[in-house]
């Protein structure tokens, strides 16, 4: 089993470039199925979840050409619909949560799709109902085969309709949008997600010939068109990586410049880190974070303890709450972290407590962090990464801790962060990959 061995407590320095956005990639790549013309996509992150989806597209019959490290050309001219029935599809689709994203485009273009119950992170229930309820409203019928854990969806003709989403799901909205662009008539989606990644998808689809209005709001109107053509698209930098690097700089007292961040697309993220007392300045489109000996958490105006919670965009993304929690460990002051969306995402705090953090886990959704203000350093321990974001949070904790830490199950981290070891080494981190098994 691969593990990271980290000698912590070193100050880092230098520049780091965020990868392309993982969560945008899963939507954008699926959209290539909507046309038989060539689609060129750049700034694609070289990570496991994305590479698995590219592999799945190729297996479906998409012609895939890699132009360079981060740019691919896709041509979905000859799609093999019978591939759905194969054992290989069940295995490939089932190992990747993002495989659900191919259903919308396939329904739109071919009138049928199937998907094994997807895998992915163990961070609590992730319902797929939103996707399927949307498809049903557009006229699709689906049958869940419980014996084989398989969803079969059929839609000989999709028709535009009014859809009030039961939750502002990003992947749900993206999937329904991709199904609706080729449907007959007008589709209105209310309570739509409006994340920058979804805006990117809608803009790309419009360049391909779709007719989507209301982009950036929670009310999307889609006039169905006959067909879509090819386009080129560049993905945004990954806002979760950017937030992770801000937290890393603060926790290790390091001077770090994060390059080309597309600052206007980061929404409230920089503001939340500023509330933790982290100083930074915008230099062009780079975020410069000076080395800070100490950072103090704001209180609310009435003096009560700051709460940081997740909410649909433009609220704070749930993917960064683990990072905020870790960053608060060495702040001066206290903060309540309220993870509303996933009920198991805070369970990694026991590892941080073992390292010496002062954290009270109130319930599966809330944790209170009592900041150490750098008076006591965390100590290195052995631990296992339960999911992508917790894994990087533990990595940040280990880089700030005294002594040696070992993090097992780093495959979870590498599902979301490309070349993380090399990029951290370039900043001066003492991290190396080892082949090791946990003792228990």
Protein backbone atom coordinates (compact mmCIF):
# COMPACT_ATOMS: atom_id res chain seq x y z
CA UNK A 1 0.00 0.00 0.00
CA UNK A 2 1.30 3.46 -0.85
CA UNK A 3 1.75 5.89 2.02
CA UNK A 4 3.24 9.36 2.54
CA UNK A 5 6.00 9.76 5.10
CA UNK A 6 6.23 13.38 6.23
CA UNK A 7 8.75 15.13 8.46
CA UNK A 8 6.80 18.19 9.58
CA UNK A 9 7.57 21.54 11.15
CA UNK A 10 9.41 22.99 8.15
CA UNK A 11 8.57 26.41 6.71
CA UNK A 12 7.73 26.27 3.02
CA UNK A 13 8.36 28.90 0.39
CA UNK A 14 7.68 29.42 -3.29
CA UNK A 15 5.02 29.36 -5.97
CA UNK A 16 2.41 26.70 -6.61
CA UNK A 17 0.05 26.39 -9.58
CA UNK A 18 -3.41 24.95 -8.89
CA UNK A 19 -4.56 22.11 -11.14
CA UNK A 20 -7.67 22.25 -13.29
CA UNK A 21 -10.92 21.84 -11.35
CA UNK A 22 -11.79 18.20 -10.63
CA UNK A 23 -15.50 18.91 -10.13
CA UNK A 24 -15.72 20.88 -13.37
CA UNK A 25 -13.89 18.15 -15.28
CA UNK A 26 -16.47 15.46 -14.52
CA UNK A 27 -19.24 17.60 -16.06
CA UNK A 28 -17.29 19.07 -18.99
CA UNK A 29 -15.88 15.70 -20.08
CA UNK A 30 -19.33 14.10 -20.06
CA UNK A 31 -20.63 16.90 -22.31
CA UNK A 32 -18.43 15.69 -25.21
CA UNK A 33 -21.04 12.91 -25.67
CA UNK A 34 -23.59 15.52 -26.84
CA UNK A 35 -21.97 16.00 -30.26
CA UNK A 36 -20.23 13.93 -32.90
CA UNK A 37 -17.92 16.87 -33.66
CA UNK A 38 -14.48 17.42 -32.13
CA UNK A 39 -14.29 19.02 -28.66
CA UNK A 40 -10.90 20.20 -27.33
CA UNK A 41 -10.55 20.65 -23.55
CA UNK A 42 -7.50 22.08 -21.76
CA UNK A 43 -6.37 22.42 -18.11
CA UNK A 44 -7.66 18.89 -17.38
CA UNK A 45 -6.24 17.64 -14.05
CA UNK A 46 -4.18 14.44 -14.28
CA UNK A 47 -5.92 12.65 -11.39
CA UNK A 48 -7.47 9.21 -10.95
CA UNK A 49 -11.16 10.16 -10.98
CA UNK A 50 -10.76 12.21 -14.16
CA UNK A 51 -8.55 9.64 -15.91
CA UNK A 52 -11.10 6.93 -15.08
CA UNK A 53 -13.85 8.99 -16.74
CA UNK A 54 -11.68 9.58 -19.85
CA UNK A 55 -11.05 5.81 -19.93
CA UNK A 56 -14.80 5.16 -19.65
CA UNK A 57 -15.53 7.59 -22.53
CA UNK A 58 -12.94 5.81 -24.70
CA UNK A 59 -14.52 2.44 -23.86
CA UNK A 60 -17.91 3.84 -24.96
CA UNK A 61 -16.39 4.58 -28.38
CA UNK A 62 -15.25 8.20 -27.99
CA UNK A 63 -12.07 8.85 -29.98
CA UNK A 64 -9.66 10.34 -27.41
CA UNK A 65 -6.36 12.05 -28.37
CA UNK A 66 -4.00 13.50 -25.79
CA UNK A 67 -2.49 16.70 -27.20
CA UNK A 68 -0.25 17.43 -24.19
CA UNK A 69 -0.21 16.88 -20.39
CA UNK A 70 -3.43 18.82 -19.74
CA UNK A 71 -5.17 18.98 -23.16
CA UNK A 72 -7.29 16.35 -24.91
CA UNK A 73 -9.38 16.15 -28.08
CA UNK A 74 -12.60 14.13 -28.01
CA UNK A 75 -14.75 12.91 -30.89
CA UNK A 76 -17.93 11.04 -29.91
CA UNK A 77 -18.91 9.97 -33.43
CA UNK A 78 -19.22 6.20 -32.97
CA UNK A 79 -20.75 5.44 -29.58
CA UNK A 80 -21.35 1.79 -28.72
CA UNK A 81 -24.67 1.78 -26.84
CA UNK A 82 -24.45 -2.01 -26.28
CA UNK A 83 -21.39 -1.42 -24.09
CA UNK A 84 -23.84 -0.73 -21.24
CA UNK A 85 -24.65 -4.42 -20.99
CA UNK A 86 -21.03 -5.49 -20.56
CA UNK A 87 -19.32 -6.66 -17.36
CA UNK A 88 -16.49 -4.22 -18.11
CA UNK A 89 -18.91 -1.27 -18.00
CA UNK A 90 -20.36 -2.46 -14.70
CA UNK A 91 -16.85 -2.58 -13.24
CA UNK A 92 -15.58 0.74 -14.69
CA UNK A 93 -18.77 2.70 -14.05
CA UNK A 94 -19.22 1.30 -10.55
CA UNK A 95 -15.76 2.35 -9.38
CA UNK A 96 -16.34 6.02 -10.24
CA UNK A 97 -18.89 8.31 -8.65
CA UNK A 98 -18.64 10.75 -11.60
CA UNK A 99 -19.92 8.09 -14.01
CA UNK A 100 -23.48 9.27 -13.21
CA UNK A 101 -22.65 12.37 -15.31
CA UNK A 102 -22.72 10.46 -18.63
CA UNK A 103 -26.43 9.62 -18.24
CA UNK A 104 -27.84 13.07 -19.15
CA UNK A 105 -25.88 13.48 -22.40
CA UNK A 106 -26.53 9.88 -23.50
CA UNK A 107 -30.28 10.24 -22.86
CA UNK A 108 -30.32 13.49 -24.82
CA UNK A 109 -28.51 12.12 -27.85
CA UNK A 110 -29.42 8.42 -27.94
CA UNK A 111 -32.60 8.12 -25.85
CA UNK A 112 -31.22 5.54 -23.44
CA UNK A 113 -28.52 5.01 -20.83
CA UNK A 114 -27.60 2.74 -17.97
CA UNK A 115 -25.37 3.18 -14.97
CA UNK A 116 -24.15 0.90 -12.19
CA UNK A 117 -24.64 2.29 -8.69
CA UNK A 118 -21.56 4.53 -8.48
CA UNK A 119 -18.76 4.35 -5.91
CA UNK A 120 -16.55 7.17 -4.60
CA UNK A 121 -16.00 8.76 -1.21
CA UNK A 122 -17.34 7.32 2.02
CA UNK A 123 -18.60 10.64 3.37
CA UNK A 124 -22.23 9.80 4.02
CA UNK A 125 -25.24 9.25 1.81
CA UNK A 126 -25.13 10.91 -1.56
CA UNK A 127 -28.55 10.67 -3.15
CA UNK A 128 -28.95 10.20 -6.88
CA UNK A 129 -32.69 10.94 -6.69
CA UNK A 130 -32.25 14.53 -7.92
CA UNK A 131 -30.74 13.31 -11.21
CA UNK A 132 -33.43 10.73 -11.87
CA UNK A 133 -36.37 12.88 -10.79
CA UNK A 134 -35.18 15.48 -13.32
CA UNK A 135 -34.84 12.88 -16.10
CA UNK A 136 -38.35 11.58 -15.31
CA UNK A 137 -39.80 15.10 -15.56
CA UNK A 138 -38.22 15.38 -19.01
CA UNK A 139 -39.99 12.14 -20.00
CA UNK A 140 -37.47 9.40 -19.18
CA UNK A 141 -38.41 6.14 -17.50
CA UNK A 142 -35.97 4.35 -15.27
CA UNK A 143 -35.85 0.96 -13.63
CA UNK A 144 -33.52 0.18 -10.72
CA UNK A 145 -32.28 -3.40 -10.92
CA UNK A 146 -31.59 -4.09 -7.22
CA UNK A 147 -30.09 -7.52 -7.88
CA UNK A 148 -27.32 -6.11 -10.11
CA UNK A 149 -27.21 -2.61 -8.56
CA UNK A 150 -27.97 -1.13 -11.96
CA UNK A 151 -30.03 1.87 -13.15
CA UNK A 152 -31.55 1.52 -16.63
CA UNK A 153 -32.97 4.70 -18.16
CA UNK A 154 -35.06 4.98 -21.32
CA UNK A 155 -36.18 8.16 -23.09
CA UNK A 156 -37.30 7.82 -26.70
CA UNK A 157 -38.26 11.51 -26.68
CA UNK A 158 -37.31 14.08 -24.06
CA UNK A 159 -39.69 17.05 -23.76
CA UNK A 160 -38.97 20.41 -22.15
CA UNK A 161 -40.77 21.04 -18.86
CA UNK A 162 -40.74 23.03 -15.61
CA UNK A 163 -38.46 21.44 -13.00
CA UNK A 164 -38.27 22.59 -9.39
CA UNK A 165 -35.14 20.87 -8.05
CA UNK A 166 -35.55 19.19 -4.66
CA UNK A 167 -31.99 20.31 -3.82
CA UNK A 168 -29.51 22.64 -5.51
CA UNK A 169 -27.26 19.74 -6.51
CA UNK A 170 -24.37 20.73 -8.79
CA UNK A 171 -24.06 17.35 -10.49
CA UNK A 172 -27.85 16.98 -10.59
CA UNK A 173 -28.28 20.38 -12.27
CA UNK A 174 -25.45 19.65 -14.73
CA UNK A 175 -26.92 16.29 -15.69
CA UNK A 176 -30.44 17.69 -16.20
CA UNK A 177 -29.06 20.66 -18.21
CA UNK A 178 -27.18 18.25 -20.52
CA UNK A 179 -30.33 16.16 -20.99
CA UNK A 180 -32.48 19.26 -21.66
CA UNK A 181 -30.30 20.97 -24.30
CA UNK A 182 -31.47 18.52 -27.00
CA UNK A 183 -35.02 18.03 -25.64
CA UNK A 184 -38.04 19.35 -27.59
CA UNK A 185 -39.34 22.67 -26.28
CA UNK A 186 -38.42 24.79 -23.27
CA UNK A 187 -37.08 23.51 -19.96
CA UNK A 188 -37.05 25.74 -16.89
CA UNK A 189 -34.93 24.63 -13.93
CA UNK A 190 -35.63 26.44 -10.64
CA UNK A 191 -33.43 26.03 -7.54
CA UNK A 192 -30.63 25.19 -9.97
CA UNK A 193 -27.07 25.11 -8.66
CA UNK A 194 -25.11 28.16 -9.83
CA UNK A 195 -21.49 27.24 -9.00
CA UNK A 196 -18.79 28.61 -11.34
CA UNK A 197 -18.23 25.06 -12.63
CA UNK A 198 -21.87 24.82 -13.70
CA UNK A 199 -21.63 28.27 -15.30
CA UNK A 200 -18.59 26.98 -17.21
CA UNK A 201 -20.61 23.99 -18.48
CA UNK A 202 -23.53 26.22 -19.61
CA UNK A 203 -21.20 28.63 -21.42
CA UNK A 204 -19.47 25.72 -23.15
CA UNK A 205 -22.84 24.23 -24.22
CA UNK A 206 -23.92 27.63 -25.60
CA UNK A 207 -20.71 27.78 -27.65
CA UNK A 208 -21.68 24.34 -28.99
CA UNK A 209 -25.04 25.75 -30.12
CA UNK A 210 -27.26 25.28 -27.04
CA UNK A 211 -29.65 28.02 -25.95
CA UNK A 212 -29.33 28.43 -22.15
CA UNK A 213 -30.19 31.68 -20.35
CA UNK A 214 -30.05 32.66 -16.67
CA UNK A 215 -26.46 31.40 -16.31
CA UNK A 216 -25.11 32.28 -12.84
CA UNK A 217 -28.60 32.40 -11.30
CA UNK A 218 -30.74 29.66 -9.75
CA UNK A 219 -33.30 29.90 -12.57
CA UNK A 220 -32.12 28.41 -15.86
CA UNK A 221 -34.15 28.48 -19.08
CA UNK A 222 -33.16 26.06 -21.83
CA UNK A 223 -34.61 26.18 -25.34
CA UNK A 224 -34.03 22.77 -26.87
CA UNK A 225 -32.04 22.64 -30.13
CA UNK A 226 -31.72 19.97 -32.84
CA UNK A 227 -28.00 19.32 -32.54
CA UNK A 228 -24.77 20.58 -31.00
CA UNK A 229 -21.38 21.16 -32.63
CA UNK A 230 -17.75 21.08 -31.50
CA UNK A 231 -15.92 23.69 -29.41
CA UNK A 232 -12.78 24.37 -27.36
CA UNK A 233 -12.92 24.86 -23.61
CA UNK A 234 -10.41 25.73 -20.86
CA UNK A 235 -11.26 24.64 -17.34
CA UNK A 236 -11.01 26.87 -14.27
CA UNK A 237 -8.34 26.26 -11.63
CA UNK A 238 -9.51 24.07 -8.75
CA UNK A 239 -10.91 26.31 -6.00
CA UNK A 240 -10.58 23.49 -3.45
CA UNK A 241 -6.86 23.26 -4.15
CA UNK A 242 -6.55 27.04 -3.85
CA UNK A 243 -8.28 26.96 -0.45
CA UNK A 244 -6.11 24.01 0.61
CA UNK A 245 -2.93 25.94 -0.23
CA UNK A 246 -4.13 29.02 1.71
CA UNK A 247 -4.65 26.75 4.74
CA UNK A 248 -1.27 25.08 4.19
CA UNK A 249 0.54 28.46 4.15
CA UNK A 250 -1.16 29.56 7.39
CA UNK A 251 -0.61 26.27 9.28
CA UNK A 252 3.08 26.05 8.40
CA UNK A 253 3.78 29.80 8.75
CA UNK A 254 4.97 29.86 5.14
CA UNK A 255 5.24 32.45 2.39
CA UNK A 256 3.46 30.99 -0.61
CA UNK A 257 2.22 32.46 -3.90
CA UNK A 258 -0.70 30.63 -5.52
CA UNK A 259 -0.59 31.35 -9.26
CA UNK A 260 -3.41 32.11 -11.73
CA UNK A 261 -6.34 31.59 -9.35
CA UNK A 262 -9.19 33.22 -11.39
CA UNK A 263 -9.90 35.27 -8.25
CA UNK A 264 -13.33 36.52 -9.34
CA UNK A 265 -14.56 32.92 -9.52
CA UNK A 266 -13.56 32.11 -5.91
CA UNK A 267 -16.63 33.77 -4.41
CA UNK A 268 -16.66 33.83 -0.60
CA UNK A 269 -13.67 31.47 -0.16
CA UNK A 270 -10.97 34.15 0.39
CA UNK A 271 -13.30 36.00 2.81
CA UNK A 272 -13.74 32.89 5.00
CA UNK A 273 -9.97 32.38 5.28
CA UNK A 274 -9.60 36.10 6.08
CA UNK A 275 -12.07 35.56 8.98
CA UNK A 276 -9.56 33.04 10.38
CA UNK A 277 -7.04 35.91 10.44
CA UNK A 278 -5.05 34.81 7.39
CA UNK A 279 -3.50 37.73 5.53
CA UNK A 280 -3.11 37.64 1.77
CA UNK A 281 -2.90 40.05 -1.12
CA UNK A 282 -3.94 39.79 -4.73
CA UNK A 283 -1.04 40.38 -7.14
CA UNK A 284 -2.50 40.37 -10.63
CA UNK A 285 -4.38 37.07 -10.56
CA UNK A 286 -2.04 35.47 -8.00
CA UNK A 287 -2.73 35.18 -4.27
CA UNK A 288 0.36 36.05 -2.19
CA UNK A 289 0.29 34.79 1.41
CA UNK A 290 3.04 36.20 3.66
CA UNK A 291 4.60 34.08 6.44
CA UNK A 292 2.55 34.70 9.60
CA UNK A 293 3.64 33.78 13.13
CA UNK A 294 0.06 34.06 14.34
CA UNK A 295 -3.45 34.53 12.97
CA UNK A 296 -6.53 35.40 15.01
CA UNK A 297 -10.09 34.20 14.33
CA UNK A 298 -12.73 36.93 14.08
CA UNK A 299 -15.76 36.83 16.34
CA UNK A 300 -19.23 37.92 15.31
CA UNK A 301 -20.05 41.60 16.00
CA UNK A 302 -21.68 40.73 19.34
CA UNK A 303 -18.54 38.86 20.44
CA UNK A 304 -19.99 35.36 19.99
CA UNK A 305 -17.91 32.52 18.51
CA UNK A 306 -17.52 32.48 14.74
CA UNK A 307 -19.41 29.73 12.91
CA UNK A 308 -18.26 28.54 9.48
CA UNK A 309 -20.84 26.43 7.68
CA UNK A 310 -21.40 25.17 4.15
CA UNK A 311 -24.20 26.27 1.83
CA UNK A 312 -25.03 26.06 -1.89
CA UNK A 313 -23.09 28.57 -4.02
CA UNK A 314 -22.54 31.46 -3.55
CA UNK A 315 -22.28 30.12 0.03
CA UNK A 316 -19.17 28.33 1.28
CA UNK A 317 -18.34 25.02 -0.40
CA UNK A 318 -18.55 21.90 1.85
CA UNK A 319 -15.34 20.60 0.26
CA UNK A 320 -13.29 23.22 2.11
CA UNK A 321 -14.73 22.80 5.61
CA UNK A 322 -12.18 20.08 6.47
CA UNK A 323 -9.40 22.49 5.44
CA UNK A 324 -10.87 25.37 7.50
CA UNK A 325 -11.13 23.04 10.49
CA UNK A 326 -7.46 22.04 10.27
CA UNK A 327 -6.30 25.62 9.66
CA UNK A 328 -8.16 26.79 12.79
CA UNK A 329 -6.12 24.39 14.99
CA UNK A 330 -3.17 26.83 15.17
CA UNK A 331 -5.22 30.04 15.11
CA UNK A 332 -5.80 32.29 18.12
CA UNK A 333 -9.45 31.97 19.12
CA UNK A 334 -12.28 29.49 18.62
CA UNK A 335 -14.55 28.50 15.76
CA UNK A 336 -17.55 26.21 15.28
CA UNK A 337 -17.43 24.20 12.04
CA UNK A 338 -20.90 23.15 10.88
CA UNK A 339 -20.88 20.58 8.06
CA UNK A 340 -24.53 20.47 6.96
CA UNK A 341 -24.31 18.44 3.79
CA UNK A 342 -22.47 15.19 4.68
CA UNK A 343 -22.88 13.36 7.95
CA UNK A 344 -19.51 11.56 8.09
CA UNK A 345 -17.08 14.20 6.89
CA UNK A 346 -15.92 15.31 10.35
CA UNK A 347 -15.08 11.85 11.66
CA UNK A 348 -11.39 12.31 10.83
CA UNK A 349 -10.99 14.76 13.74
CA UNK A 350 -10.00 11.88 16.06
CA UNK A 351 -6.66 11.76 14.19
CA UNK A 352 -6.17 15.51 14.74
CA UNK A 353 -6.97 15.11 18.45
CA UNK A 354 -4.33 12.33 18.61
CA UNK A 355 -1.88 14.87 17.15
CA UNK A 356 -2.68 17.29 19.99
CA UNK A 357 -5.43 19.46 18.47
CA UNK A 358 -8.09 20.89 20.79
CA UNK A 359 -11.32 19.86 19.05
CA UNK A 360 -14.71 18.91 20.44
CA UNK A 361 -16.79 16.81 18.05
CA UNK A 362 -20.30 17.92 19.04
CA UNK A 363 -22.17 15.53 16.71
CA UNK A 364 -21.69 14.12 13.17
CA UNK A 365 -22.19 17.60 11.70
CA UNK A 366 -20.46 20.01 14.11
CA UNK A 367 -17.03 20.40 15.64
CA UNK A 368 -15.64 23.19 17.83
CA UNK A 369 -11.95 24.03 17.38
CA UNK A 370 -10.11 25.73 20.25
CA UNK A 371 -7.09 27.35 18.60
CA UNK A 372 -3.60 26.59 19.97
CA UNK A 373 -2.17 29.91 18.66
CA UNK A 374 1.11 28.10 17.84
CA UNK A 375 1.81 27.74 21.59
CA UNK A 376 1.83 23.95 21.19
CA UNK A 377 2.88 22.20 18.00
CA UNK A 378 0.99 19.16 16.72
CA UNK A 379 2.93 15.88 16.97
CA UNK A 380 3.45 13.48 14.09
CA UNK A 381 1.47 10.21 14.15
CA UNK A 382 0.43 7.35 11.84
CA UNK A 383 -3.03 7.76 10.29
CA UNK A 384 -5.24 6.67 7.38
CA UNK A 385 -6.98 8.99 4.92
CA UNK A 386 -10.76 8.33 4.86
CA UNK A 387 -11.65 10.62 1.90
CA UNK A 388 -10.06 13.12 -0.49
CA UNK A 389 -10.59 16.30 1.55
CA UNK A 390 -9.90 14.76 4.96
CA UNK A 391 -6.74 13.25 3.44
CA UNK A 392 -5.39 16.63 2.39
CA UNK A 393 -6.41 18.13 5.75
CA UNK A 394 -4.37 15.42 7.51
CA UNK A 395 -1.51 16.11 5.10
CA UNK A 396 -1.57 19.83 6.05
CA UNK A 397 -1.65 18.88 9.75
CA UNK A 398 1.33 16.53 9.24
CA UNK A 399 3.37 19.20 7.41
CA UNK A 400 2.83 21.56 10.37
CA UNK A 401 3.52 18.93 13.07
CA UNK A 402 6.76 18.17 14.90
CA UNK A 403 8.33 14.85 13.96
CA UNK A 404 7.35 12.11 11.54
CA UNK A 405 3.84 11.34 10.31
CA UNK A 406 2.75 8.51 8.03
CA UNK A 407 -0.50 8.77 6.06
CA UNK A 408 -1.88 5.53 4.61
CA UNK A 409 -4.52 5.10 1.88
CA UNK A 410 -3.09 8.04 -0.10
CA UNK A 411 -4.94 6.75 -3.18
CA UNK A 412 -7.86 8.72 -1.75
CA UNK A 413 -5.79 11.94 -1.81
CA UNK A 414 -4.54 11.23 -5.33
CA UNK A 415 -8.10 10.86 -6.62
CA UNK A 416 -8.36 14.65 -6.25
CA UNK A 417 -4.87 16.19 -6.15
CA UNK A 418 -2.43 15.79 -9.05
CA UNK A 419 1.34 15.34 -8.43
CA UNK A 420 0.78 16.56 -4.87
CA UNK A 421 4.04 15.06 -3.58
CA UNK A 422 6.21 16.75 -6.26
CA UNK A 423 4.45 20.10 -5.92
CA UNK A 424 4.88 20.13 -2.13
CA UNK A 425 8.55 19.10 -2.45
CA UNK A 426 9.06 22.09 -4.78
CA UNK A 427 7.94 24.32 -1.86
CA UNK A 428 10.47 22.65 0.45
CA UNK A 429 8.25 20.04 2.12
CA UNK A 430 9.91 16.88 3.47
CA UNK A 431 7.51 14.30 2.01
CA UNK A 432 8.17 10.98 0.35
CA UNK A 433 6.14 8.06 -0.93
CA UNK A 434 6.78 4.75 0.82
CA UNK A 435 5.32 1.27 0.54
CA UNK A 436 3.90 0.58 3.98
CA UNK A 437 0.97 -1.09 5.71
CA UNK A 438 -0.82 0.26 8.80
CA UNK A 439 0.14 -1.65 11.95
CA UNK A 440 -3.48 -2.54 12.78
